[in-house]
């Protein structure tokens, strides 16, 4: 059963990577307040673990959320010296109906997939994220990390509002506080490429 679930999750992620540049899906054509950038200009954050080990780990969690009261879905993982914590907070009455909400974290690229896909909130949910023990030596100095979702209808990355997104290359930490999640899709952390080939795909 675990093997079938893992295969299913990998199939979803692989399909999204292909679809971002080619096929539209049922994701709302919604721009964030921060605007959008071409997919070729965004580099998704690669996350090798300390000592050169690849994380390549997929984690998931789900929770039945009542529309009247709201609630949280959380992932808390410790893997080979790396600790990752993800919390999706859904406010009261953000949902029109009670829903089973799930999220899947692929921490090799810090992609977070929310389900049911395409679900829209009456008011945005909020995502908080912390990771420690990472090797961020490959992250260019001075870049600004942002949270994006790939709008597959436009082929562009939409930047999401967040209270704060910070990182420390030396300490190997990343923190995201209260990023807006107005609808469900796949979200990822990344930065604008400044000195590289814009013709290359971020995937």
N, C-alpha and C. Protein backbone atom coordinates (compact mmCIF):
# COMPACT_ATOMS: atom_id res chain seq x y z
N UNK A 1 0.83 -1.20 0.00
CA UNK A 1 0.00 0.00 0.00
C UNK A 1 0.87 1.27 0.00
N UNK A 2 1.95 1.26 0.85
CA UNK A 2 2.87 2.39 0.90
C UNK A 2 3.56 2.60 -0.43
N UNK A 3 3.94 1.49 -1.09
CA UNK A 3 4.61 1.57 -2.38
C UNK A 3 3.70 2.18 -3.42
N UNK A 4 2.39 1.78 -3.40
CA UNK A 4 1.44 2.32 -4.37
C UNK A 4 1.23 3.81 -4.13
N UNK A 5 1.16 4.23 -2.84
CA UNK A 5 0.96 5.65 -2.53
C UNK A 5 2.14 6.48 -3.02
N UNK A 6 3.36 5.97 -2.75
CA UNK A 6 4.56 6.70 -3.19
C UNK A 6 4.59 6.85 -4.70
N UNK A 7 4.22 5.77 -5.42
CA UNK A 7 4.20 5.82 -6.88
C UNK A 7 3.18 6.84 -7.37
N UNK A 8 2.02 6.90 -6.67
CA UNK A 8 0.96 7.83 -7.04
C UNK A 8 1.44 9.28 -6.87
N UNK A 9 2.10 9.58 -5.72
CA UNK A 9 2.58 10.93 -5.46
C UNK A 9 3.64 11.33 -6.47
N UNK A 10 4.56 10.40 -6.78
CA UNK A 10 5.60 10.71 -7.76
C UNK A 10 5.00 10.97 -9.14
N UNK A 11 3.96 10.23 -9.48
CA UNK A 11 3.31 10.44 -10.78
C UNK A 11 2.68 11.83 -10.86
N UNK A 12 2.07 12.29 -9.74
CA UNK A 12 1.47 13.62 -9.72
C UNK A 12 2.54 14.69 -9.89
N UNK A 13 3.64 14.56 -9.16
CA UNK A 13 4.70 15.55 -9.24
C UNK A 13 5.32 15.59 -10.63
N UNK A 14 5.56 14.40 -11.23
CA UNK A 14 6.16 14.35 -12.56
C UNK A 14 5.23 14.99 -13.58
N UNK A 15 3.93 14.72 -13.45
CA UNK A 15 2.98 15.31 -14.38
C UNK A 15 2.94 16.82 -14.27
N UNK A 16 3.08 17.33 -13.04
CA UNK A 16 3.07 18.79 -12.88
C UNK A 16 4.30 19.43 -13.50
N UNK A 17 5.44 18.78 -13.34
CA UNK A 17 6.66 19.34 -13.90
C UNK A 17 6.57 19.46 -15.41
N UNK A 18 5.97 18.47 -16.05
CA UNK A 18 5.78 18.53 -17.50
C UNK A 18 4.72 19.55 -17.87
N UNK A 19 3.64 19.57 -17.09
CA UNK A 19 2.49 20.40 -17.44
C UNK A 19 2.72 21.88 -17.29
N UNK A 20 3.69 22.28 -16.45
CA UNK A 20 3.90 23.70 -16.22
C UNK A 20 4.31 24.41 -17.49
N UNK A 21 4.96 23.70 -18.39
CA UNK A 21 5.40 24.33 -19.64
C UNK A 21 4.51 23.98 -20.82
N UNK A 22 3.58 23.02 -20.64
CA UNK A 22 2.84 22.54 -21.80
C UNK A 22 1.32 22.59 -21.65
N UNK A 23 0.77 21.86 -20.68
CA UNK A 23 -0.67 21.62 -20.65
C UNK A 23 -1.35 22.37 -19.52
N UNK A 24 -2.50 23.00 -19.78
CA UNK A 24 -3.24 23.67 -18.72
C UNK A 24 -3.95 22.66 -17.83
N UNK A 25 -4.14 23.03 -16.55
CA UNK A 25 -4.90 22.21 -15.62
C UNK A 25 -5.92 23.11 -14.94
N UNK A 26 -6.70 22.52 -14.02
CA UNK A 26 -7.78 23.27 -13.41
C UNK A 26 -7.28 24.13 -12.26
N UNK A 27 -6.31 25.01 -12.54
CA UNK A 27 -5.80 25.95 -11.56
C UNK A 27 -6.35 27.32 -11.89
N UNK A 28 -6.90 28.06 -10.92
CA UNK A 28 -7.47 29.37 -11.21
C UNK A 28 -6.45 30.30 -11.85
N UNK A 29 -6.89 31.06 -12.84
CA UNK A 29 -6.02 32.03 -13.49
C UNK A 29 -6.01 33.29 -12.65
N UNK A 30 -5.27 33.23 -11.54
CA UNK A 30 -5.32 34.28 -10.54
C UNK A 30 -3.93 34.85 -10.31
N UNK A 31 -3.79 36.16 -10.44
CA UNK A 31 -2.52 36.82 -10.20
C UNK A 31 -2.42 37.23 -8.75
N UNK A 32 -1.23 37.15 -8.18
CA UNK A 32 -1.01 37.63 -6.83
C UNK A 32 -0.79 39.14 -6.86
N UNK A 33 -0.76 39.74 -5.67
CA UNK A 33 -0.52 41.17 -5.59
C UNK A 33 0.90 41.53 -6.00
N UNK A 34 1.80 40.55 -5.99
CA UNK A 34 3.18 40.82 -6.30
C UNK A 34 3.50 40.68 -7.79
N UNK A 35 2.58 40.20 -8.61
CA UNK A 35 2.83 40.07 -10.04
C UNK A 35 3.40 38.70 -10.38
N UNK A 36 3.84 38.56 -11.64
CA UNK A 36 4.30 37.27 -12.12
C UNK A 36 5.57 37.43 -12.91
N UNK A 37 6.29 36.32 -13.10
CA UNK A 37 7.52 36.31 -13.89
C UNK A 37 7.53 35.08 -14.76
N UNK A 38 8.23 35.16 -15.89
CA UNK A 38 8.32 34.02 -16.78
C UNK A 38 9.00 32.85 -16.07
N UNK A 39 8.53 31.64 -16.37
CA UNK A 39 9.07 30.46 -15.71
C UNK A 39 10.56 30.33 -15.92
N UNK A 40 11.07 30.77 -17.10
CA UNK A 40 12.49 30.62 -17.40
C UNK A 40 13.37 31.51 -16.52
N UNK A 41 12.79 32.50 -15.83
CA UNK A 41 13.58 33.40 -15.01
C UNK A 41 13.63 32.98 -13.54
N UNK A 42 12.89 31.94 -13.17
CA UNK A 42 12.84 31.50 -11.79
C UNK A 42 13.65 30.22 -11.61
N UNK A 43 14.47 30.21 -10.58
CA UNK A 43 15.21 29.01 -10.22
C UNK A 43 14.62 28.45 -8.93
N UNK A 44 14.04 27.25 -9.00
CA UNK A 44 13.52 26.63 -7.79
C UNK A 44 14.68 26.20 -6.91
N UNK A 45 14.48 26.32 -5.61
CA UNK A 45 15.55 26.08 -4.66
C UNK A 45 15.86 24.59 -4.56
N UNK A 46 17.12 24.23 -4.84
CA UNK A 46 17.59 22.86 -4.65
C UNK A 46 18.04 22.72 -3.20
N UNK A 47 17.75 21.57 -2.58
CA UNK A 47 18.07 21.40 -1.18
C UNK A 47 18.86 20.13 -0.91
N UNK A 48 20.15 20.12 -1.22
CA UNK A 48 20.96 18.99 -0.75
C UNK A 48 21.11 19.07 0.76
N UNK A 49 21.16 17.92 1.39
CA UNK A 49 21.34 17.89 2.84
C UNK A 49 22.80 18.16 3.17
N UNK A 50 23.09 18.23 4.46
CA UNK A 50 24.46 18.44 4.89
C UNK A 50 25.34 17.30 4.41
N UNK A 51 26.63 17.57 4.27
CA UNK A 51 27.63 16.58 3.86
C UNK A 51 27.34 16.00 2.48
N UNK A 52 26.65 16.76 1.65
CA UNK A 52 26.44 16.33 0.27
C UNK A 52 25.39 15.27 0.07
N UNK A 53 24.63 14.90 1.10
CA UNK A 53 23.60 13.89 0.94
C UNK A 53 22.34 14.52 0.36
N UNK A 54 21.71 13.81 -0.55
CA UNK A 54 20.45 14.29 -1.14
C UNK A 54 19.29 13.91 -0.23
N UNK A 55 18.39 14.87 0.02
CA UNK A 55 17.22 14.55 0.84
C UNK A 55 16.28 13.62 0.08
N UNK A 56 15.80 14.10 -1.09
CA UNK A 56 14.94 13.29 -1.96
C UNK A 56 13.90 12.52 -1.16
N UNK A 57 13.21 13.22 -0.28
CA UNK A 57 12.26 12.58 0.62
C UNK A 57 10.90 13.22 0.43
N UNK A 58 9.87 12.41 0.34
CA UNK A 58 8.51 12.91 0.19
C UNK A 58 7.72 12.61 1.47
N UNK A 59 7.10 13.64 2.04
CA UNK A 59 6.32 13.49 3.26
C UNK A 59 4.94 14.06 3.02
N UNK A 60 3.93 13.50 3.68
CA UNK A 60 2.57 13.99 3.49
C UNK A 60 1.80 13.94 4.81
N UNK A 61 0.74 14.75 4.86
CA UNK A 61 -0.13 14.78 6.03
C UNK A 61 -1.50 15.24 5.58
N UNK A 62 -2.54 14.82 6.30
CA UNK A 62 -3.90 15.22 5.97
C UNK A 62 -4.73 15.40 7.22
N UNK A 63 -5.78 16.22 7.09
CA UNK A 63 -6.63 16.50 8.24
C UNK A 63 -8.02 16.90 7.75
N UNK A 64 -9.05 16.38 8.43
CA UNK A 64 -10.43 16.80 8.13
C UNK A 64 -10.64 18.17 8.76
N UNK A 65 -10.96 19.18 7.95
CA UNK A 65 -11.11 20.55 8.43
C UNK A 65 -12.58 20.96 8.32
N UNK A 66 -13.12 21.43 9.42
CA UNK A 66 -14.50 21.92 9.42
C UNK A 66 -14.53 23.40 9.03
N UNK A 67 -15.44 23.74 8.13
CA UNK A 67 -15.51 25.11 7.62
C UNK A 67 -15.78 26.11 8.73
N UNK A 68 -16.61 25.72 9.70
CA UNK A 68 -17.01 26.67 10.75
C UNK A 68 -15.87 27.02 11.69
N UNK A 69 -14.98 26.08 11.94
CA UNK A 69 -13.93 26.31 12.93
C UNK A 69 -12.53 26.45 12.36
N UNK A 70 -12.31 25.99 11.11
CA UNK A 70 -10.98 26.02 10.54
C UNK A 70 -10.07 25.00 11.21
N UNK A 71 -8.77 25.11 10.96
CA UNK A 71 -7.84 24.16 11.56
C UNK A 71 -6.49 24.17 10.86
N UNK A 72 -5.60 23.28 11.29
CA UNK A 72 -4.24 23.22 10.77
C UNK A 72 -3.93 21.84 10.19
N UNK A 73 -3.05 21.83 9.18
CA UNK A 73 -2.45 20.60 8.67
C UNK A 73 -0.94 20.78 8.82
N UNK A 74 -0.27 19.78 9.41
CA UNK A 74 1.14 19.94 9.75
C UNK A 74 1.98 18.77 9.29
N UNK A 75 3.20 19.09 8.85
CA UNK A 75 4.24 18.09 8.57
C UNK A 75 5.45 18.45 9.43
N UNK A 76 5.97 17.47 10.16
CA UNK A 76 7.13 17.68 11.01
C UNK A 76 8.08 16.51 10.80
N UNK A 77 9.18 16.75 10.06
CA UNK A 77 10.08 15.68 9.65
C UNK A 77 11.50 15.93 10.15
N UNK A 78 12.16 14.85 10.55
CA UNK A 78 13.58 14.89 10.90
C UNK A 78 14.26 13.78 10.09
N UNK A 79 15.27 14.17 9.30
CA UNK A 79 15.88 13.21 8.39
C UNK A 79 17.35 13.52 8.22
N UNK A 80 18.20 12.65 8.78
CA UNK A 80 19.66 12.78 8.62
C UNK A 80 20.18 14.17 8.97
N UNK A 81 19.76 14.65 10.12
CA UNK A 81 20.24 15.94 10.59
C UNK A 81 19.48 17.14 10.07
N UNK A 82 18.52 16.91 9.19
CA UNK A 82 17.70 18.00 8.64
C UNK A 82 16.31 17.94 9.29
N UNK A 83 15.85 19.08 9.77
CA UNK A 83 14.52 19.18 10.36
C UNK A 83 13.66 20.12 9.52
N UNK A 84 12.48 19.66 9.13
CA UNK A 84 11.56 20.46 8.31
C UNK A 84 10.19 20.46 8.97
N UNK A 85 9.63 21.65 9.14
CA UNK A 85 8.30 21.79 9.73
C UNK A 85 7.45 22.67 8.82
N UNK A 86 6.26 22.18 8.47
CA UNK A 86 5.35 22.90 7.59
C UNK A 86 3.97 22.94 8.24
N UNK A 87 3.36 24.11 8.31
CA UNK A 87 2.02 24.26 8.87
C UNK A 87 1.14 25.06 7.93
N UNK A 88 0.01 24.50 7.54
CA UNK A 88 -1.00 25.22 6.78
C UNK A 88 -2.14 25.55 7.73
N UNK A 89 -2.38 26.84 7.94
CA UNK A 89 -3.42 27.30 8.85
C UNK A 89 -4.62 27.80 8.05
N UNK A 90 -5.78 27.19 8.29
CA UNK A 90 -7.00 27.54 7.55
C UNK A 90 -7.93 28.28 8.50
N UNK A 91 -8.23 29.55 8.24
CA UNK A 91 -9.06 30.33 9.15
C UNK A 91 -10.51 29.84 9.18
N UNK A 92 -11.23 30.30 10.20
CA UNK A 92 -12.66 30.02 10.28
C UNK A 92 -13.37 30.56 9.04
N UNK A 93 -14.28 29.78 8.50
CA UNK A 93 -15.12 30.16 7.36
C UNK A 93 -14.34 30.44 6.08
N UNK A 94 -13.06 30.03 6.05
CA UNK A 94 -12.30 30.15 4.80
C UNK A 94 -12.80 29.13 3.79
N UNK A 95 -13.32 28.01 4.29
CA UNK A 95 -13.91 26.97 3.44
C UNK A 95 -15.41 27.14 3.35
N UNK A 96 -15.96 26.83 2.19
CA UNK A 96 -17.42 26.87 2.04
C UNK A 96 -18.07 25.63 2.61
N UNK A 97 -17.32 24.51 2.60
CA UNK A 97 -17.81 23.24 3.13
C UNK A 97 -16.67 22.54 3.86
N UNK A 98 -17.04 21.61 4.73
CA UNK A 98 -16.03 20.79 5.38
C UNK A 98 -15.24 20.03 4.32
N UNK A 99 -13.92 19.92 4.53
CA UNK A 99 -13.05 19.30 3.52
C UNK A 99 -11.96 18.47 4.20
N UNK A 100 -11.56 17.39 3.52
CA UNK A 100 -10.34 16.69 3.92
C UNK A 100 -9.20 17.35 3.16
N UNK A 101 -8.28 17.97 3.89
CA UNK A 101 -7.19 18.73 3.31
C UNK A 101 -5.89 17.95 3.49
N UNK A 102 -5.11 17.85 2.43
CA UNK A 102 -3.81 17.18 2.55
C UNK A 102 -2.74 18.01 1.86
N UNK A 103 -1.51 17.80 2.31
CA UNK A 103 -0.37 18.43 1.65
C UNK A 103 0.79 17.45 1.62
N UNK A 104 1.57 17.55 0.54
CA UNK A 104 2.71 16.67 0.33
C UNK A 104 3.94 17.52 0.08
N UNK A 105 5.01 17.24 0.80
CA UNK A 105 6.25 17.99 0.69
C UNK A 105 7.30 17.15 0.00
N UNK A 106 7.84 17.69 -1.09
CA UNK A 106 9.01 17.09 -1.75
C UNK A 106 10.18 17.99 -1.39
N UNK A 107 10.96 17.60 -0.37
CA UNK A 107 11.96 18.53 0.14
C UNK A 107 13.25 18.54 -0.67
N UNK A 108 13.31 17.81 -1.78
CA UNK A 108 14.47 17.96 -2.66
C UNK A 108 14.45 19.31 -3.36
N UNK A 109 13.25 19.86 -3.61
CA UNK A 109 13.11 21.18 -4.22
C UNK A 109 12.18 22.08 -3.41
N UNK A 110 11.79 21.66 -2.24
CA UNK A 110 10.85 22.42 -1.42
C UNK A 110 9.55 22.71 -2.15
N UNK A 111 9.02 21.71 -2.84
CA UNK A 111 7.71 21.84 -3.48
C UNK A 111 6.66 21.30 -2.52
N UNK A 112 5.55 22.02 -2.41
CA UNK A 112 4.46 21.61 -1.54
C UNK A 112 3.19 21.51 -2.39
N UNK A 113 2.62 20.33 -2.42
CA UNK A 113 1.42 20.06 -3.22
C UNK A 113 0.22 19.95 -2.28
N UNK A 114 -0.81 20.77 -2.54
CA UNK A 114 -2.01 20.77 -1.71
C UNK A 114 -3.15 20.09 -2.45
N UNK A 115 -3.99 19.42 -1.70
CA UNK A 115 -5.13 18.72 -2.28
C UNK A 115 -6.35 18.92 -1.39
N UNK A 116 -7.56 19.08 -1.98
CA UNK A 116 -7.92 18.87 -3.39
C UNK A 116 -7.45 20.01 -4.31
N UNK A 117 -6.86 19.63 -5.43
CA UNK A 117 -6.30 20.57 -6.37
C UNK A 117 -7.38 21.53 -6.88
N UNK A 118 -7.03 22.83 -6.94
CA UNK A 118 -7.95 23.83 -7.45
C UNK A 118 -8.90 24.41 -6.42
N UNK A 119 -8.89 23.88 -5.18
CA UNK A 119 -9.76 24.41 -4.13
C UNK A 119 -9.44 25.88 -3.88
N UNK A 120 -10.48 26.72 -3.82
CA UNK A 120 -10.29 28.14 -3.54
C UNK A 120 -10.87 28.48 -2.17
N UNK A 121 -10.18 29.36 -1.46
CA UNK A 121 -10.61 29.78 -0.14
C UNK A 121 -11.37 31.10 -0.20
N UNK A 122 -12.32 31.27 0.73
CA UNK A 122 -13.02 32.55 0.86
C UNK A 122 -12.07 33.64 1.34
N UNK A 123 -11.16 33.28 2.23
CA UNK A 123 -10.03 34.12 2.63
C UNK A 123 -8.81 33.21 2.59
N UNK A 124 -7.62 33.75 2.28
CA UNK A 124 -6.46 32.88 2.10
C UNK A 124 -6.08 32.09 3.35
N UNK A 125 -5.66 30.86 3.14
CA UNK A 125 -4.99 30.11 4.19
C UNK A 125 -3.57 30.66 4.32
N UNK A 126 -2.87 30.27 5.38
CA UNK A 126 -1.51 30.78 5.59
C UNK A 126 -0.55 29.62 5.78
N UNK A 127 0.60 29.72 5.11
CA UNK A 127 1.63 28.70 5.18
C UNK A 127 2.83 29.21 5.96
N UNK A 128 3.26 28.42 6.95
CA UNK A 128 4.49 28.71 7.67
C UNK A 128 5.43 27.53 7.53
N UNK A 129 6.73 27.82 7.39
CA UNK A 129 7.70 26.79 7.06
C UNK A 129 9.02 27.09 7.73
N UNK A 130 9.66 26.07 8.31
CA UNK A 130 11.01 26.22 8.83
C UNK A 130 11.82 24.98 8.46
N UNK A 131 13.09 25.18 8.14
CA UNK A 131 14.00 24.07 7.85
C UNK A 131 15.36 24.42 8.45
N UNK A 132 16.00 23.44 9.08
CA UNK A 132 17.32 23.63 9.65
C UNK A 132 18.22 22.47 9.22
N UNK A 133 19.52 22.70 9.29
CA UNK A 133 20.47 21.65 8.95
C UNK A 133 20.71 21.48 7.47
N UNK A 134 20.38 22.49 6.68
CA UNK A 134 20.51 22.41 5.23
C UNK A 134 21.88 22.87 4.76
N UNK A 135 22.29 22.38 3.61
CA UNK A 135 23.49 22.88 2.94
C UNK A 135 23.03 23.87 1.88
N UNK A 136 23.19 25.15 2.15
CA UNK A 136 22.75 26.21 1.23
C UNK A 136 23.93 26.86 0.51
N UNK A 137 25.05 26.15 0.44
CA UNK A 137 26.24 26.73 -0.18
C UNK A 137 26.06 27.00 -1.67
N UNK A 138 25.13 26.28 -2.32
CA UNK A 138 24.91 26.51 -3.76
C UNK A 138 23.96 27.67 -4.02
N UNK A 139 23.35 28.21 -2.98
CA UNK A 139 22.44 29.34 -3.14
C UNK A 139 23.25 30.61 -3.38
N UNK A 140 23.02 31.31 -4.50
CA UNK A 140 23.80 32.53 -4.77
C UNK A 140 23.63 33.55 -3.66
N UNK A 141 24.72 34.21 -3.31
CA UNK A 141 24.68 35.21 -2.25
C UNK A 141 23.80 36.39 -2.66
N UNK A 142 23.00 36.86 -1.72
CA UNK A 142 22.22 38.06 -1.93
C UNK A 142 20.88 37.90 -2.62
N UNK A 143 20.52 36.67 -3.05
CA UNK A 143 19.23 36.51 -3.71
C UNK A 143 18.10 36.60 -2.69
N UNK A 144 16.91 36.91 -3.17
CA UNK A 144 15.73 37.00 -2.32
C UNK A 144 14.84 35.80 -2.58
N UNK A 145 14.62 35.00 -1.55
CA UNK A 145 13.73 33.85 -1.69
C UNK A 145 12.28 34.30 -1.67
N UNK A 146 11.47 33.67 -2.53
CA UNK A 146 10.04 33.95 -2.56
C UNK A 146 9.28 32.63 -2.72
N UNK A 147 8.00 32.67 -2.40
CA UNK A 147 7.14 31.51 -2.61
C UNK A 147 6.34 31.74 -3.89
N UNK A 148 6.37 30.74 -4.78
CA UNK A 148 5.68 30.85 -6.07
C UNK A 148 4.73 29.68 -6.25
N UNK A 149 3.72 29.92 -7.12
CA UNK A 149 3.01 28.78 -7.69
C UNK A 149 3.05 28.94 -9.20
N UNK A 150 3.07 27.83 -9.91
CA UNK A 150 3.16 27.87 -11.36
C UNK A 150 1.76 27.90 -11.95
N UNK A 151 1.40 29.03 -12.58
CA UNK A 151 0.12 29.15 -13.26
C UNK A 151 0.25 28.45 -14.61
N UNK A 152 -0.32 27.27 -14.72
CA UNK A 152 -0.12 26.46 -15.92
C UNK A 152 -0.91 26.98 -17.11
N UNK A 153 -1.83 27.92 -16.89
CA UNK A 153 -2.55 28.52 -18.02
C UNK A 153 -1.70 29.58 -18.71
N UNK A 154 -0.87 30.27 -17.93
CA UNK A 154 -0.07 31.35 -18.49
C UNK A 154 1.40 30.95 -18.67
N UNK A 155 1.82 29.85 -18.02
CA UNK A 155 3.21 29.43 -18.08
C UNK A 155 4.13 30.32 -17.25
N UNK A 156 3.54 31.07 -16.30
CA UNK A 156 4.32 31.97 -15.48
C UNK A 156 4.22 31.58 -14.01
N UNK A 157 5.24 32.00 -13.24
CA UNK A 157 5.22 31.82 -11.80
C UNK A 157 4.56 33.03 -11.15
N UNK A 158 3.60 32.78 -10.29
CA UNK A 158 2.94 33.85 -9.55
C UNK A 158 3.56 33.92 -8.15
N UNK A 159 4.07 35.10 -7.82
CA UNK A 159 4.68 35.31 -6.50
C UNK A 159 3.59 35.50 -5.45
N UNK A 160 3.71 34.82 -4.32
CA UNK A 160 2.71 34.90 -3.27
C UNK A 160 3.18 35.84 -2.16
N UNK A 161 2.23 36.56 -1.57
CA UNK A 161 2.53 37.43 -0.45
C UNK A 161 2.95 36.60 0.76
N UNK A 162 3.87 37.11 1.54
CA UNK A 162 4.29 36.46 2.78
C UNK A 162 4.71 37.53 3.78
N UNK A 163 4.45 37.25 5.06
CA UNK A 163 4.87 38.18 6.11
C UNK A 163 6.38 38.30 6.14
N UNK A 164 7.06 37.16 5.97
CA UNK A 164 8.53 37.19 5.94
C UNK A 164 9.05 35.86 5.41
N UNK A 165 10.06 35.92 4.53
CA UNK A 165 10.80 34.73 4.10
C UNK A 165 12.28 35.06 4.24
N UNK A 166 13.00 34.27 5.04
CA UNK A 166 14.40 34.56 5.33
C UNK A 166 15.20 33.27 5.31
N UNK A 167 16.51 33.43 5.08
CA UNK A 167 17.40 32.28 5.11
C UNK A 167 18.77 32.71 5.62
N UNK A 168 19.53 31.73 6.09
CA UNK A 168 20.91 31.96 6.53
C UNK A 168 21.77 30.90 5.89
N UNK A 169 22.63 31.31 4.95
CA UNK A 169 23.46 30.35 4.21
C UNK A 169 24.43 29.63 5.13
N UNK A 170 24.99 30.34 6.11
CA UNK A 170 25.97 29.74 7.00
C UNK A 170 25.34 28.75 7.98
N UNK A 171 24.19 29.13 8.54
CA UNK A 171 23.53 28.26 9.51
C UNK A 171 22.67 27.19 8.84
N UNK A 172 22.38 27.35 7.55
CA UNK A 172 21.57 26.36 6.84
C UNK A 172 20.12 26.36 7.25
N UNK A 173 19.54 27.55 7.41
CA UNK A 173 18.15 27.66 7.85
C UNK A 173 17.32 28.44 6.84
N UNK A 174 16.06 28.07 6.73
CA UNK A 174 15.07 28.79 5.93
C UNK A 174 13.81 28.94 6.76
N UNK A 175 13.23 30.13 6.75
CA UNK A 175 12.00 30.39 7.50
C UNK A 175 11.03 31.16 6.63
N UNK A 176 9.80 30.70 6.60
CA UNK A 176 8.71 31.41 5.91
C UNK A 176 7.58 31.60 6.91
N UNK A 177 7.13 32.84 7.05
CA UNK A 177 6.09 33.16 8.02
C UNK A 177 4.85 33.66 7.29
N UNK A 178 3.75 32.96 7.46
CA UNK A 178 2.42 33.40 7.01
C UNK A 178 2.39 33.83 5.54
N UNK A 179 2.71 32.90 4.66
CA UNK A 179 2.55 33.14 3.23
C UNK A 179 1.11 32.84 2.82
N UNK A 180 0.55 33.68 1.97
CA UNK A 180 -0.84 33.51 1.53
C UNK A 180 -0.98 32.31 0.60
N UNK A 181 -1.99 31.48 0.87
CA UNK A 181 -2.37 30.37 -0.01
C UNK A 181 -3.84 30.59 -0.37
N UNK A 182 -4.12 31.32 -1.46
CA UNK A 182 -5.51 31.65 -1.80
C UNK A 182 -6.25 30.49 -2.44
N UNK A 183 -5.51 29.55 -3.03
CA UNK A 183 -6.11 28.39 -3.68
C UNK A 183 -5.09 27.27 -3.68
N UNK A 184 -5.55 26.06 -3.96
CA UNK A 184 -4.65 24.91 -3.92
C UNK A 184 -4.06 24.62 -5.29
N UNK A 185 -2.76 24.39 -5.28
CA UNK A 185 -1.99 24.03 -6.44
C UNK A 185 -0.69 23.45 -5.89
N UNK A 186 0.39 23.51 -6.64
CA UNK A 186 1.71 23.17 -6.14
C UNK A 186 2.50 24.47 -5.98
N UNK A 187 3.09 24.65 -4.82
CA UNK A 187 3.86 25.85 -4.51
C UNK A 187 5.32 25.46 -4.30
N UNK A 188 6.23 26.39 -4.55
CA UNK A 188 7.65 26.09 -4.38
C UNK A 188 8.41 27.37 -4.05
N UNK A 189 9.52 27.22 -3.34
CA UNK A 189 10.39 28.35 -3.03
C UNK A 189 11.42 28.50 -4.14
N UNK A 190 11.72 29.74 -4.48
CA UNK A 190 12.69 29.98 -5.54
C UNK A 190 13.15 31.42 -5.54
N UNK A 191 13.94 31.77 -6.55
CA UNK A 191 14.48 33.12 -6.66
C UNK A 191 14.65 33.45 -8.14
N UNK A 192 14.76 34.74 -8.43
CA UNK A 192 14.93 35.20 -9.80
C UNK A 192 16.39 34.99 -10.21
N UNK A 193 16.60 34.33 -11.33
CA UNK A 193 17.96 34.15 -11.86
C UNK A 193 18.42 35.46 -12.49
N UNK A 194 19.62 35.87 -12.13
CA UNK A 194 20.14 37.15 -12.64
C UNK A 194 21.28 36.96 -13.62
N UNK A 195 22.14 35.99 -13.37
CA UNK A 195 23.32 35.82 -14.21
C UNK A 195 23.39 34.38 -14.71
N UNK A 196 22.40 34.00 -15.52
CA UNK A 196 22.38 32.65 -16.06
C UNK A 196 21.57 32.65 -17.35
N UNK A 197 21.44 31.50 -17.95
CA UNK A 197 20.74 31.37 -19.20
C UNK A 197 19.25 31.35 -18.97
N UNK A 198 18.54 32.44 -19.36
CA UNK A 198 17.11 32.50 -19.17
C UNK A 198 16.36 31.51 -20.05
N UNK A 199 17.03 30.94 -21.06
CA UNK A 199 16.38 29.99 -21.92
C UNK A 199 16.25 28.61 -21.31
N UNK A 200 16.94 28.36 -20.20
CA UNK A 200 16.89 27.05 -19.56
C UNK A 200 15.65 26.93 -18.68
N UNK A 201 15.07 25.75 -18.61
CA UNK A 201 13.89 25.51 -17.80
C UNK A 201 14.28 25.33 -16.34
N UNK A 202 13.47 25.87 -15.38
CA UNK A 202 13.78 25.66 -13.98
C UNK A 202 13.53 24.24 -13.53
N UNK A 203 12.90 23.42 -14.39
CA UNK A 203 12.59 22.05 -14.01
C UNK A 203 13.72 21.11 -14.38
